[in-house]
Amino acid sequence: MDEAFSCGVDRRYIQLVVNHLEQAHVTLTADDMALLAHDGTAIVKWDSLVCILSRLDRELTSQDPAWAVRLGTVASPDARGVPGSLFLNAGTLGAAFATAVELDPLVQSAYRTRWIEGPETTQIRLERATGTTVENARACEIRFSALLSACSRVSDLPCKPVEVHFTCDPFPLTDMHRNVFGDNIVFNAPFCAMFLDAMTLSRRIPGSCAALFKQLKQQLWSDGGRSSDVIEIATRVRRDVVHALDHGHGASIEAVARRLGTSTRSLQRALAEAGLTYRMLVDRARHERASQLLKDRSHSLLSIALHLGFSDQASFTRACIRWSGLTPKLYRDSLIPPAPMMS
């Protein structure tokens, strides 16, 4: 496999960072590049990345005041290895955020994230590992925007916090800041945190697989997240199935195995060893794609059912109820925000 997956930040994200710096005409030193160089498992701690970027803050900010938010938003769940895959399969956004907090020690050592539940909102607070206040606003911007961006991607809906608190003095806010964090940004706060409401945290994650979540979590704590087999198999199969559904190609296990360059039996054995089945991954791929197609009302429910490989609309309806507890029509309504009322 060309890219190993693990905790921390993988090579794809590092390359995105390097590309962004090159576009900003910011040159990394040889020491910087050595620090970002991946090891055998492609682990690069957030600590190393934040350390380099903090040193370059003034130079970056002079060209792009929202650089930290911008880098955070390109950190998709797939770019975070095992933790990212856990995020995708956590079931709800609340469980995903809680998992991200739980796994924080495996991703960074200089900072820690705390999950604090309140009567109306839940607080995700960033602190130093020593428990002291974080004064580095850029570290908070990257961390919070990465979590919110991942949240928006896996739920297919925009996700904004109720409030975001920074300990620093006010700095110029850009449209990028407001698009990610909303309008309620508080400066000179006693701690760095973002606040999320119960409705956001209860949002379901389309295509989430409870069995894969359990398997990955056991794997992560048993070997520090260095094994990549489970994620590699699941990701490759799911992507191939989605591509096959979109282009009318065969989505049978035989066809997928052939395209992946393996035998049907070898693929079945690999999935079984990971605690997965091919049917489970197809179901997740269908759920994920259905959530995207239902947002476009130009697609009829029958056309979506056939697109996803169901024999009829009734089969699609049963699957939709299993995924979300809703019929396709109601599920579509839940995915599409209501149109604003005319005054």
C-alpha atoms as a PDB file:
ATOM      1  CA  MET A   1       0.000   0.000   0.000  1.00  0.00           C
ATOM      2  CA  ASP A   2       1.403   3.402  -0.966  1.00  0.00           C
ATOM      3  CA  GLU A   3       0.115   5.195   2.120  1.00  0.00           C
ATOM      4  CA  ALA A   4       0.253   3.688   5.587  1.00  0.00           C
ATOM      5  CA  PHE A   5      -2.482   4.748   7.945  1.00  0.00           C
ATOM      6  CA  SER A   6      -1.934   5.410  11.615  1.00  0.00           C
ATOM      7  CA  CYS A   7      -2.546   7.829  14.426  1.00  0.00           C
ATOM      8  CA  GLY A   8      -1.409  11.371  13.953  1.00  0.00           C
ATOM      9  CA  VAL A   9      -1.231  13.103  10.601  1.00  0.00           C
ATOM     10  CA  ASP A  10      -0.499  11.048   7.508  1.00  0.00           C
ATOM     11  CA  ARG A  11       1.513  11.952   4.425  1.00  0.00           C
ATOM     12  CA  ARG A  12      -1.460  13.264   2.468  1.00  0.00           C
ATOM     13  CA  TYR A  13      -2.163  15.936   5.066  1.00  0.00           C
ATOM     14  CA  ILE A  14       1.518  16.821   5.406  1.00  0.00           C
ATOM     15  CA  GLN A  15       1.703  17.273   1.634  1.00  0.00           C
ATOM     16  CA  LEU A  16      -1.336  19.570   1.761  1.00  0.00           C
ATOM     17  CA  VAL A  17       0.439  21.662   4.406  1.00  0.00           C
ATOM     18  CA  VAL A  18       3.646  21.821   2.389  1.00  0.00           C
ATOM     19  CA  ASN A  19       1.689  22.780  -0.761  1.00  0.00           C
ATOM     20  CA  HIS A  20      -0.090  25.562   1.137  1.00  0.00           C
ATOM     21  CA  LEU A  21       3.220  26.922   2.416  1.00  0.00           C
ATOM     22  CA  GLU A  22       4.748  26.819  -1.069  1.00  0.00           C
ATOM     23  CA  GLN A  23       1.785  28.757  -2.476  1.00  0.00           C
ATOM     24  CA  ALA A  24       2.348  31.327   0.268  1.00  0.00           C
ATOM     25  CA  HIS A  25       6.048  31.448  -0.720  1.00  0.00           C
ATOM     26  CA  VAL A  26       7.067  30.246   2.737  1.00  0.00           C
ATOM     27  CA  THR A  27      10.144  28.023   2.726  1.00  0.00           C
ATOM     28  CA  LEU A  28      10.575  25.168   5.179  1.00  0.00           C
ATOM     29  CA  THR A  29      14.073  24.563   6.511  1.00  0.00           C
ATOM     30  CA  ALA A  30      15.879  21.241   6.227  1.00  0.00           C
ATOM     31  CA  ASP A  31      15.166  20.702   9.936  1.00  0.00           C
ATOM     32  CA  ASP A  32      11.465  21.320   9.332  1.00  0.00           C
ATOM     33  CA  MET A  33      11.352  18.795   6.508  1.00  0.00           C
ATOM     34  CA  ALA A  34      13.224  16.253   8.617  1.00  0.00           C
ATOM     35  CA  LEU A  35      10.706  16.744  11.421  1.00  0.00           C
ATOM     36  CA  LEU A  36       7.811  16.219   9.031  1.00  0.00           C
ATOM     37  CA  ALA A  37       9.402  13.191   7.354  1.00  0.00           C
ATOM     38  CA  HIS A  38       7.252  10.132   7.983  1.00  0.00           C
ATOM     39  CA  ASP A  39       8.506   7.006   9.702  1.00  0.00           C
ATOM     40  CA  GLY A  40       7.463   3.481   8.806  1.00  0.00           C
ATOM     41  CA  THR A  41       3.925   4.068   9.969  1.00  0.00           C
ATOM     42  CA  ALA A  42       3.543   7.613   8.607  1.00  0.00           C
ATOM     43  CA  ILE A  43       3.072   9.064  12.108  1.00  0.00           C
ATOM     44  CA  VAL A  44       3.679  12.764  12.455  1.00  0.00           C
ATOM     45  CA  LYS A  45       2.459  14.184  15.745  1.00  0.00           C
ATOM     46  CA  TRP A  46       0.294  17.301  15.818  1.00  0.00           C
ATOM     47  CA  ASP A  47       2.901  18.667  18.222  1.00  0.00           C
ATOM     48  CA  SER A  48       5.605  18.759  15.543  1.00  0.00           C
ATOM     49  CA  LEU A  49       3.288  20.299  12.982  1.00  0.00           C
ATOM     50  CA  VAL A  50       1.954  22.987  15.323  1.00  0.00           C
ATOM     51  CA  CYS A  51       5.482  23.800  16.488  1.00  0.00           C
ATOM     52  CA  ILE A  52       6.646  24.509  12.931  1.00  0.00           C
ATOM     53  CA  LEU A  53       3.541  26.434  11.950  1.00  0.00           C
ATOM     54  CA  SER A  54       3.618  28.536  15.131  1.00  0.00           C
ATOM     55  CA  ARG A  55       7.150  29.645  14.290  1.00  0.00           C
ATOM     56  CA  LEU A  56       5.952  30.679  10.836  1.00  0.00           C
ATOM     57  CA  ASP A  57       2.786  32.356  12.172  1.00  0.00           C
ATOM     58  CA  ARG A  58       3.756  35.980  11.548  1.00  0.00           C
ATOM     59  CA  GLU A  59       4.915  35.299   7.995  1.00  0.00           C
ATOM     60  CA  LEU A  60       1.816  33.232   7.187  1.00  0.00           C
ATOM     61  CA  THR A  61      -0.641  35.647   8.803  1.00  0.00           C
ATOM     62  CA  SER A  62       0.716  38.574   6.799  1.00  0.00           C
ATOM     63  CA  GLN A  63      -0.365  36.739   3.639  1.00  0.00           C
ATOM     64  CA  ASP A  64      -3.439  34.873   4.880  1.00  0.00           C
ATOM     65  CA  PRO A  65      -4.979  35.774   8.265  1.00  0.00           C
ATOM     66  CA  ALA A  66      -7.071  32.600   8.129  1.00  0.00           C
ATOM     67  CA  TRP A  67      -4.219  30.182   7.306  1.00  0.00           C
ATOM     68  CA  ALA A  68      -4.681  28.120  10.483  1.00  0.00           C
ATOM     69  CA  VAL A  69      -8.411  27.608   9.870  1.00  0.00           C
ATOM     70  CA  ARG A  70      -7.736  26.828   6.231  1.00  0.00           C
ATOM     71  CA  LEU A  71      -5.236  24.101   7.113  1.00  0.00           C
ATOM     72  CA  GLY A  72      -7.603  22.667   9.694  1.00  0.00           C
ATOM     73  CA  THR A  73     -10.472  22.391   7.238  1.00  0.00           C
ATOM     74  CA  VAL A  74      -8.487  20.295   4.766  1.00  0.00           C
ATOM     75  CA  ALA A  75      -7.850  17.628   7.427  1.00  0.00           C
ATOM     76  CA  SER A  76     -10.568  15.209   6.333  1.00  0.00           C
ATOM     77  CA  PRO A  77     -11.289  12.163   8.532  1.00  0.00           C
ATOM     78  CA  ASP A  78      -9.524   9.911   6.026  1.00  0.00           C
ATOM     79  CA  ALA A  79      -6.350  11.929   6.637  1.00  0.00           C
ATOM     80  CA  ARG A  80      -6.264  10.896  10.265  1.00  0.00           C
ATOM     81  CA  GLY A  81      -5.795   7.144   9.916  1.00  0.00           C
ATOM     82  CA  VAL A  82      -7.358   4.918  12.563  1.00  0.00           C
ATOM     83  CA  PRO A  83      -8.770   7.838  14.585  1.00  0.00           C
ATOM     84  CA  GLY A  84     -10.342   9.218  11.401  1.00  0.00           C
ATOM     85  CA  SER A  85     -11.923   5.883  10.559  1.00  0.00           C
ATOM     86  CA  LEU A  86     -13.283   5.656  14.098  1.00  0.00           C
ATOM     87  CA  PHE A  87     -14.763   9.129  13.608  1.00  0.00           C
ATOM     88  CA  LEU A  88     -16.499   7.957  10.433  1.00  0.00           C
ATOM     89  CA  ASN A  89     -17.994   4.927  12.161  1.00  0.00           C
ATOM     90  CA  ALA A  90     -18.939   6.346  15.568  1.00  0.00           C
ATOM     91  CA  GLY A  91     -22.693   6.436  14.867  1.00  0.00           C
ATOM     92  CA  THR A  92     -23.416  10.009  15.993  1.00  0.00           C
ATOM     93  CA  LEU A  93     -21.411  13.226  15.962  1.00  0.00           C
ATOM     94  CA  GLY A  94     -21.449  13.270  19.755  1.00  0.00           C
ATOM     95  CA  ALA A  95     -19.849   9.823  19.843  1.00  0.00           C
ATOM     96  CA  ALA A  96     -17.377  10.919  17.171  1.00  0.00           C
ATOM     97  CA  PHE A  97     -16.299  13.997  19.124  1.00  0.00           C
ATOM     98  CA  ALA A  98     -16.075  11.973  22.342  1.00  0.00           C
ATOM     99  CA  THR A  99     -13.911   9.404  20.554  1.00  0.00           C
ATOM    100  CA  ALA A 100     -11.626  12.134  19.202  1.00  0.00           C
ATOM    101  CA  VAL A 101     -11.153  13.424  22.743  1.00  0.00           C
ATOM    102  CA  GLU A 102     -10.542   9.921  24.109  1.00  0.00           C
ATOM    103  CA  LEU A 103      -7.864   9.222  21.495  1.00  0.00           C
ATOM    104  CA  ASP A 104      -6.124  12.578  21.826  1.00  0.00           C
ATOM    105  CA  PRO A 105      -3.129  11.180  23.778  1.00  0.00           C
ATOM    106  CA  LEU A 106      -2.302   9.012  20.749  1.00  0.00           C
ATOM    107  CA  VAL A 107      -2.315  12.017  18.429  1.00  0.00           C
ATOM    108  CA  GLN A 108      -0.566  14.729  20.416  1.00  0.00           C
ATOM    109  CA  SER A 109       1.382  15.038  23.645  1.00  0.00           C
ATOM    110  CA  ALA A 110       1.843  18.781  24.146  1.00  0.00           C
ATOM    111  CA  TYR A 111      -1.915  19.437  24.240  1.00  0.00           C
ATOM    112  CA  ARG A 112      -4.970  17.624  25.531  1.00  0.00           C
ATOM    113  CA  THR A 113      -8.650  17.957  24.698  1.00  0.00           C
ATOM    114  CA  ARG A 114     -11.325  17.753  27.377  1.00  0.00           C
ATOM    115  CA  TRP A 115     -14.988  16.822  26.932  1.00  0.00           C
ATOM    116  CA  ILE A 116     -17.164  18.721  29.421  1.00  0.00           C
ATOM    117  CA  GLU A 117     -20.927  18.180  29.343  1.00  0.00           C
ATOM    118  CA  GLY A 118     -23.207  20.981  30.484  1.00  0.00           C
ATOM    119  CA  PRO A 119     -26.999  21.298  30.850  1.00  0.00           C
ATOM    120  CA  GLU A 120     -27.466  22.889  27.411  1.00  0.00           C
ATOM    121  CA  THR A 121     -24.144  22.602  25.582  1.00  0.00           C
ATOM    122  CA  THR A 122     -21.081  20.370  25.590  1.00  0.00           C
ATOM    123  CA  GLN A 123     -17.697  22.022  25.763  1.00  0.00           C
ATOM    124  CA  ILE A 124     -14.613  20.791  23.914  1.00  0.00           C
ATOM    125  CA  ARG A 125     -11.714  22.489  25.645  1.00  0.00           C
ATOM    126  CA  LEU A 126      -8.085  22.546  24.488  1.00  0.00           C
ATOM    127  CA  GLU A 127      -5.427  22.715  27.215  1.00  0.00           C
ATOM    128  CA  ARG A 128      -1.743  22.085  27.538  1.00  0.00           C
ATOM    129  CA  ALA A 129      -0.852  18.580  28.699  1.00  0.00           C
ATOM    130  CA  THR A 130       0.104  20.135  32.028  1.00  0.00           C
ATOM    131  CA  GLY A 131      -3.463  21.405  32.454  1.00  0.00           C
ATOM    132  CA  THR A 132      -2.524  25.038  31.904  1.00  0.00           C
ATOM    133  CA  THR A 133      -4.234  27.439  29.500  1.00  0.00           C
ATOM    134  CA  VAL A 134      -3.383  27.397  25.805  1.00  0.00           C
ATOM    135  CA  GLU A 135      -2.291  30.838  24.613  1.00  0.00           C
ATOM    136  CA  ASN A 136      -1.488  29.742  21.061  1.00  0.00           C
ATOM    137  CA  ALA A 137      -4.588  30.761  19.124  1.00  0.00           C
ATOM    138  CA  ARG A 138      -3.337  29.080  15.948  1.00  0.00           C
ATOM    139  CA  ALA A 139      -3.159  25.690  17.661  1.00  0.00           C
ATOM    140  CA  CYS A 140      -6.785  26.139  18.723  1.00  0.00           C
ATOM    141  CA  GLU A 141      -7.850  27.304  15.261  1.00  0.00           C
ATOM    142  CA  ILE A 142      -6.280  24.257  13.594  1.00  0.00           C
ATOM    143  CA  ARG A 143      -7.659  21.792  16.146  1.00  0.00           C
ATOM    144  CA  PHE A 144     -11.194  23.177  16.299  1.00  0.00           C
ATOM    145  CA  SER A 145     -11.550  23.750  12.550  1.00  0.00           C
ATOM    146  CA  ALA A 146     -10.264  20.223  11.851  1.00  0.00           C
ATOM    147  CA  LEU A 147     -12.888  18.721  14.180  1.00  0.00           C
ATOM    148  CA  LEU A 148     -15.702  20.874  12.786  1.00  0.00           C
ATOM    149  CA  SER A 149     -14.702  20.201   9.204  1.00  0.00           C
ATOM    150  CA  ALA A 150     -14.595  16.466   9.839  1.00  0.00           C
ATOM    151  CA  CYS A 151     -17.976  16.748  11.548  1.00  0.00           C
ATOM    152  CA  SER A 152     -19.475  18.494   8.518  1.00  0.00           C
ATOM    153  CA  ARG A 153     -18.002  15.978   6.099  1.00  0.00           C
ATOM    154  CA  VAL A 154     -19.154  12.808   7.843  1.00  0.00           C
ATOM    155  CA  SER A 155     -22.676  14.127   8.489  1.00  0.00           C
ATOM    156  CA  ASP A 156     -23.056  15.797   5.062  1.00  0.00           C
ATOM    157  CA  LEU A 157     -24.402  18.936   6.777  1.00  0.00           C
ATOM    158  CA  PRO A 158     -22.747  22.175   7.927  1.00  0.00           C
ATOM    159  CA  CYS A 159     -21.691  22.064  11.569  1.00  0.00           C
ATOM    160  CA  LYS A 160     -21.061  25.225  13.546  1.00  0.00           C
ATOM    161  CA  PRO A 161     -20.479  25.620  17.279  1.00  0.00           C
ATOM    162  CA  VAL A 162     -22.683  27.749  19.500  1.00  0.00           C
ATOM    163  CA  GLU A 163     -19.607  29.696  20.617  1.00  0.00           C
ATOM    164  CA  VAL A 164     -15.817  29.571  20.304  1.00  0.00           C
ATOM    165  CA  HIS A 165     -13.542  30.971  23.015  1.00  0.00           C
ATOM    166  CA  PHE A 166      -9.928  32.107  22.605  1.00  0.00           C
ATOM    167  CA  THR A 167      -7.630  33.247  25.415  1.00  0.00           C
ATOM    168  CA  CYS A 168      -5.754  35.746  23.240  1.00  0.00           C
ATOM    169  CA  ASP A 169      -6.457  39.375  22.449  1.00  0.00           C
ATOM    170  CA  PRO A 170      -8.853  40.019  19.526  1.00  0.00           C
ATOM    171  CA  PHE A 171      -7.419  39.405  16.064  1.00  0.00           C
ATOM    172  CA  PRO A 172      -8.965  40.299  12.679  1.00  0.00           C
ATOM    173  CA  LEU A 173     -11.712  37.834  11.735  1.00  0.00           C
ATOM    174  CA  THR A 174     -12.114  36.824   8.108  1.00  0.00           C
ATOM    175  CA  ASP A 175     -15.061  35.325   6.269  1.00  0.00           C
ATOM    176  CA  MET A 176     -13.265  31.998   6.622  1.00  0.00           C
ATOM    177  CA  HIS A 177     -13.308  32.308  10.416  1.00  0.00           C
ATOM    178  CA  ARG A 178     -17.026  33.107  10.435  1.00  0.00           C
ATOM    179  CA  ASN A 179     -17.883  30.343   7.961  1.00  0.00           C
ATOM    180  CA  VAL A 180     -16.234  27.754  10.197  1.00  0.00           C
ATOM    181  CA  PHE A 181     -16.772  29.118  13.714  1.00  0.00           C
ATOM    182  CA  GLY A 182     -19.905  31.225  13.302  1.00  0.00           C
ATOM    183  CA  ASP A 183     -20.362  34.730  14.642  1.00  0.00           C
ATOM    184  CA  ASN A 184     -20.085  34.056  18.383  1.00  0.00           C
ATOM    185  CA  ILE A 185     -16.324  34.266  18.914  1.00  0.00           C
ATOM    186  CA  VAL A 186     -15.133  35.377  22.357  1.00  0.00           C
ATOM    187  CA  PHE A 187     -11.619  36.703  23.014  1.00  0.00           C
ATOM    188  CA  ASN A 188      -9.683  37.065  26.288  1.00  0.00           C
ATOM    189  CA  ALA A 189     -11.581  34.067  27.627  1.00  0.00           C
ATOM    190  CA  PRO A 190     -10.177  32.059  30.573  1.00  0.00           C
ATOM    191  CA  PHE A 191      -9.704  28.997  28.328  1.00  0.00           C
ATOM    192  CA  CYS A 192      -9.837  27.902  24.682  1.00  0.00           C
ATOM    193  CA  ALA A 193     -12.991  25.960  23.888  1.00  0.00           C
ATOM    194  CA  MET A 194     -15.861  25.480  21.503  1.00  0.00           C
ATOM    195  CA  PHE A 195     -19.428  24.794  22.593  1.00  0.00           C
ATOM    196  CA  LEU A 196     -21.771  22.419  20.734  1.00  0.00           C
ATOM    197  CA  ASP A 197     -25.511  21.980  21.209  1.00  0.00           C
ATOM    198  CA  ALA A 198     -27.375  18.710  21.778  1.00  0.00           C
ATOM    199  CA  MET A 199     -29.046  18.750  18.359  1.00  0.00           C
ATOM    200  CA  THR A 200     -25.677  18.856  16.585  1.00  0.00           C
ATOM    201  CA  LEU A 201     -24.224  16.098  18.746  1.00  0.00           C
ATOM    202  CA  SER A 202     -27.231  13.810  18.175  1.00  0.00           C
ATOM    203  CA  ARG A 203     -26.842  13.990  14.384  1.00  0.00           C
ATOM    204  CA  ARG A 204     -26.396  10.569  12.770  1.00  0.00           C
ATOM    205  CA  ILE A 205     -23.327   9.746  10.649  1.00  0.00           C
ATOM    206  CA  PRO A 206     -24.398   8.193   7.309  1.00  0.00           C
ATOM    207  CA  GLY A 207     -22.767   4.846   6.540  1.00  0.00           C
ATOM    208  CA  SER A 208     -21.453   4.394  10.067  1.00  0.00           C
ATOM    209  CA  CYS A 209     -20.565   0.777  10.847  1.00  0.00           C
ATOM    210  CA  ALA A 210     -20.764  -0.270  14.513  1.00  0.00           C
ATOM    211  CA  ALA A 211     -18.845  -3.521  13.955  1.00  0.00           C
ATOM    212  CA  LEU A 212     -15.973  -1.712  12.234  1.00  0.00           C
ATOM    213  CA  PHE A 213     -15.949   0.919  14.995  1.00  0.00           C
ATOM    214  CA  LYS A 214     -15.597  -1.804  17.639  1.00  0.00           C
ATOM    215  CA  GLN A 215     -12.872  -3.601  15.689  1.00  0.00           C
ATOM    216  CA  LEU A 216     -10.848  -0.433  15.097  1.00  0.00           C
ATOM    217  CA  LYS A 217     -11.094   0.672  18.704  1.00  0.00           C
ATOM    218  CA  GLN A 218      -9.851  -2.677  19.974  1.00  0.00           C
ATOM    219  CA  GLN A 219      -7.036  -2.580  17.430  1.00  0.00           C
ATOM    220  CA  LEU A 220      -6.060   0.971  18.303  1.00  0.00           C
ATOM    221  CA  TRP A 221      -5.632   0.381  22.011  1.00  0.00           C
ATOM    222  CA  SER A 222      -3.926  -2.984  21.504  1.00  0.00           C
ATOM    223  CA  ASP A 223      -1.183  -1.817  19.141  1.00  0.00           C
ATOM    224  CA  GLY A 224      -1.095   1.978  19.347  1.00  0.00           C
ATOM    225  CA  GLY A 225      -2.856   2.350  16.005  1.00  0.00           C
ATOM    226  CA  ARG A 226       0.085   1.131  13.910  1.00  0.00           C
ATOM    227  CA  SER A 227      -1.732  -1.659  12.071  1.00  0.00           C
ATOM    228  CA  SER A 228      -3.346  -0.524   8.853  1.00  0.00           C
ATOM    229  CA  ASP A 229      -4.841  -3.704   7.402  1.00  0.00           C
ATOM    230  CA  VAL A 230      -8.416  -3.182   8.609  1.00  0.00           C
ATOM    231  CA  ILE A 231      -8.630   0.374   7.311  1.00  0.00           C
ATOM    232  CA  GLU A 232      -6.912  -0.458   4.031  1.00  0.00           C
ATOM    233  CA  ILE A 233      -9.317  -3.292   3.245  1.00  0.00           C
ATOM    234  CA  ALA A 234     -12.468  -1.440   4.310  1.00  0.00           C
ATOM    235  CA  THR A 235     -11.515   1.805   2.551  1.00  0.00           C
ATOM    236  CA  ARG A 236     -10.516   0.195  -0.737  1.00  0.00           C
ATOM    237  CA  VAL A 237     -13.635  -1.987  -0.902  1.00  0.00           C
ATOM    238  CA  ARG A 238     -16.004   0.847   0.039  1.00  0.00           C
ATOM    239  CA  ARG A 239     -14.505   3.242  -2.513  1.00  0.00           C
ATOM    240  CA  ASP A 240     -14.627   0.619  -5.248  1.00  0.00           C
ATOM    241  CA  VAL A 241     -18.273  -0.156  -4.464  1.00  0.00           C
ATOM    242  CA  VAL A 242     -19.243   3.539  -4.558  1.00  0.00           C
ATOM    243  CA  HIS A 243     -17.428   3.959  -7.884  1.00  0.00           C
ATOM    244  CA  ALA A 244     -19.129   0.853  -9.265  1.00  0.00           C
ATOM    245  CA  LEU A 245     -22.587   2.067  -8.220  1.00  0.00           C
ATOM    246  CA  ASP A 246     -21.983   5.503  -9.743  1.00  0.00           C
ATOM    247  CA  HIS A 247     -20.734   4.143 -13.066  1.00  0.00           C
ATOM    248  CA  GLY A 248     -22.936   1.091 -13.494  1.00  0.00           C
ATOM    249  CA  HIS A 249     -20.109  -1.372 -13.015  1.00  0.00           C
ATOM    250  CA  GLY A 250     -20.486  -4.695 -11.263  1.00  0.00           C
ATOM    251  CA  ALA A 251     -20.578  -4.352  -7.478  1.00  0.00           C
ATOM    252  CA  SER A 252     -20.480  -8.072  -6.701  1.00  0.00           C
ATOM    253  CA  ILE A 253     -17.684  -9.302  -4.454  1.00  0.00           C
ATOM    254  CA  GLU A 254     -16.220 -11.173  -7.429  1.00  0.00           C
ATOM    255  CA  ALA A 255     -16.075  -7.987  -9.526  1.00  0.00           C
ATOM    256  CA  VAL A 256     -14.622  -5.916  -6.681  1.00  0.00           C
ATOM    257  CA  ALA A 257     -11.991  -8.546  -5.876  1.00  0.00           C
ATOM    258  CA  ARG A 258     -10.965  -8.665  -9.528  1.00  0.00           C
ATOM    259  CA  ARG A 259     -10.584  -4.873  -9.713  1.00  0.00           C
ATOM    260  CA  LEU A 260      -8.562  -4.885  -6.486  1.00  0.00           C
ATOM    261  CA  GLY A 261      -6.229  -7.523  -7.905  1.00  0.00           C
ATOM    262  CA  THR A 262      -7.094 -10.320  -5.513  1.00  0.00           C
ATOM    263  CA  SER A 263      -9.258 -13.429  -5.432  1.00  0.00           C
ATOM    264  CA  THR A 264     -12.766 -13.571  -4.001  1.00  0.00           C
ATOM    265  CA  ARG A 265     -11.681 -16.056  -1.355  1.00  0.00           C
ATOM    266  CA  SER A 266      -8.681 -13.940  -0.297  1.00  0.00           C
ATOM    267  CA  LEU A 267     -10.885 -10.864   0.010  1.00  0.00           C
ATOM    268  CA  GLN A 268     -13.484 -12.747   2.054  1.00  0.00           C
ATOM    269  CA  ARG A 269     -10.753 -14.141   4.319  1.00  0.00           C
ATOM    270  CA  ALA A 270      -9.191 -10.714   4.848  1.00  0.00           C
ATOM    271  CA  LEU A 271     -12.552  -9.188   5.718  1.00  0.00           C
ATOM    272  CA  ALA A 272     -13.408 -12.035   8.090  1.00  0.00           C
ATOM    273  CA  GLU A 273     -10.091 -11.624   9.915  1.00  0.00           C
ATOM    274  CA  ALA A 274     -10.968  -7.947  10.369  1.00  0.00           C
ATOM    275  CA  GLY A 275     -14.402  -8.847  11.755  1.00  0.00           C
ATOM    276  CA  LEU A 276     -16.132  -7.533   8.627  1.00  0.00           C
ATOM    277  CA  THR A 277     -18.263  -8.883   5.809  1.00  0.00           C
ATOM    278  CA  TYR A 278     -18.570  -7.701   2.227  1.00  0.00           C
ATOM    279  CA  ARG A 279     -22.296  -7.150   2.725  1.00  0.00           C
ATOM    280  CA  MET A 280     -21.529  -4.861   5.684  1.00  0.00           C
ATOM    281  CA  LEU A 281     -19.251  -2.651   3.583  1.00  0.00           C
ATOM    282  CA  VAL A 282     -21.698  -2.528   0.666  1.00  0.00           C
ATOM    283  CA  ASP A 283     -24.424  -1.458   3.084  1.00  0.00           C
ATOM    284  CA  ARG A 284     -22.217   1.343   4.401  1.00  0.00           C
ATOM    285  CA  ALA A 285     -21.329   2.467   0.855  1.00  0.00           C
ATOM    286  CA  ARG A 286     -25.020   2.551  -0.092  1.00  0.00           C
ATOM    287  CA  HIS A 287     -25.914   4.525   3.027  1.00  0.00           C
ATOM    288  CA  GLU A 288     -23.150   7.042   2.402  1.00  0.00           C
ATOM    289  CA  ARG A 289     -24.124   7.514  -1.254  1.00  0.00           C
ATOM    290  CA  ALA A 290     -27.855   7.636  -0.480  1.00  0.00           C
ATOM    291  CA  SER A 291     -27.289  10.511   1.960  1.00  0.00           C
ATOM    292  CA  GLN A 292     -25.620  12.470  -0.834  1.00  0.00           C
ATOM    293  CA  LEU A 293     -28.139  11.654  -3.590  1.00  0.00           C
ATOM    294  CA  LEU A 294     -31.191  12.387  -1.430  1.00  0.00           C
ATOM    295  CA  LYS A 295     -30.067  16.001  -1.053  1.00  0.00           C
ATOM    296  CA  ASP A 296     -30.804  16.563  -4.724  1.00  0.00           C
ATOM    297  CA  ARG A 297     -34.580  16.592  -5.212  1.00  0.00           C
ATOM    298  CA  SER A 298     -34.130  16.181  -8.965  1.00  0.00           C
ATOM    299  CA  HIS A 299     -33.390  12.513  -8.245  1.00  0.00           C
ATOM    300  CA  SER A 300     -36.575  10.481  -7.726  1.00  0.00           C
ATOM    301  CA  LEU A 301     -36.584   7.925  -4.917  1.00  0.00           C
ATOM    302  CA  LEU A 302     -36.910   5.122  -7.466  1.00  0.00           C
ATOM    303  CA  SER A 303     -33.918   6.361  -9.484  1.00  0.00           C
ATOM    304  CA  ILE A 304     -31.831   6.537  -6.301  1.00  0.00           C
ATOM    305  CA  ALA A 305     -32.886   3.007  -5.346  1.00  0.00           C
ATOM    306  CA  LEU A 306     -31.819   1.659  -8.746  1.00  0.00           C
ATOM    307  CA  HIS A 307     -28.613   3.733  -8.688  1.00  0.00           C
ATOM    308  CA  LEU A 308     -27.675   2.077  -5.393  1.00  0.00           C
ATOM    309  CA  GLY A 309     -28.276  -1.395  -6.776  1.00  0.00           C
ATOM    310  CA  PHE A 310     -31.599  -2.141  -5.078  1.00  0.00           C
ATOM    311  CA  SER A 311     -34.047  -4.213  -7.076  1.00  0.00           C
ATOM    312  CA  ASP A 312     -36.961  -1.898  -6.275  1.00  0.00           C
ATOM    313  CA  GLN A 313     -37.984   1.103  -4.180  1.00  0.00           C
ATOM    314  CA  ALA A 314     -39.421  -1.092  -1.419  1.00  0.00           C
ATOM    315  CA  SER A 315     -35.986  -2.620  -0.771  1.00  0.00           C
ATOM    316  CA  PHE A 316     -34.469   0.873  -0.622  1.00  0.00           C
ATOM    317  CA  THR A 317     -37.173   1.962   1.828  1.00  0.00           C
ATOM    318  CA  ARG A 318     -36.408  -0.962   4.159  1.00  0.00           C
ATOM    319  CA  ALA A 319     -32.690  -0.150   4.048  1.00  0.00           C
ATOM    320  CA  CYS A 320     -33.338   3.525   4.697  1.00  0.00           C
ATOM    321  CA  ILE A 321     -35.457   2.731   7.753  1.00  0.00           C
ATOM    322  CA  ARG A 322     -32.689   0.458   9.033  1.00  0.00           C
ATOM    323  CA  TRP A 323     -30.074   3.218   8.579  1.00  0.00           C
ATOM    324  CA  SER A 324     -31.963   6.173   9.955  1.00  0.00           C
ATOM    325  CA  GLY A 325     -35.318   5.032  11.319  1.00  0.00           C
ATOM    326  CA  LEU A 326     -36.956   7.113   8.582  1.00  0.00           C
ATOM    327  CA  THR A 327     -38.502   6.447   5.189  1.00  0.00           C
ATOM    328  CA  PRO A 328     -36.533   7.807   2.212  1.00  0.00           C
ATOM    329  CA  LYS A 329     -38.879  10.798   1.937  1.00  0.00           C
ATOM    330  CA  LEU A 330     -38.533  11.731   5.597  1.00  0.00           C
ATOM    331  CA  TYR A 331     -34.808  11.019   5.539  1.00  0.00           C
ATOM    332  CA  ARG A 332     -34.498  13.373   2.547  1.00  0.00           C
ATOM    333  CA  ASP A 333     -36.425  16.061   4.431  1.00  0.00           C
ATOM    334  CA  SER A 334     -34.049  15.678   7.400  1.00  0.00           C
ATOM    335  CA  LEU A 335     -31.009  16.150   5.152  1.00  0.00           C
ATOM    336  CA  ILE A 336     -32.261  19.246   3.340  1.00  0.00           C
ATOM    337  CA  PRO A 337     -32.627  22.412   5.453  1.00  0.00           C
ATOM    338  CA  PRO A 338     -36.047  24.039   5.078  1.00  0.00           C
ATOM    339  CA  ALA A 339     -36.247  27.003   2.720  1.00  0.00           C
ATOM    340  CA  PRO A 340     -36.342  30.362   4.507  1.00  0.00           C
ATOM    341  CA  MET A 341     -39.842  31.809   4.925  1.00  0.00           C
ATOM    342  CA  MET A 342     -40.658  34.812   2.797  1.00  0.00           C
ATOM    343  CA  SER A 343     -41.493  37.899   4.819  1.00  0.00           C
END
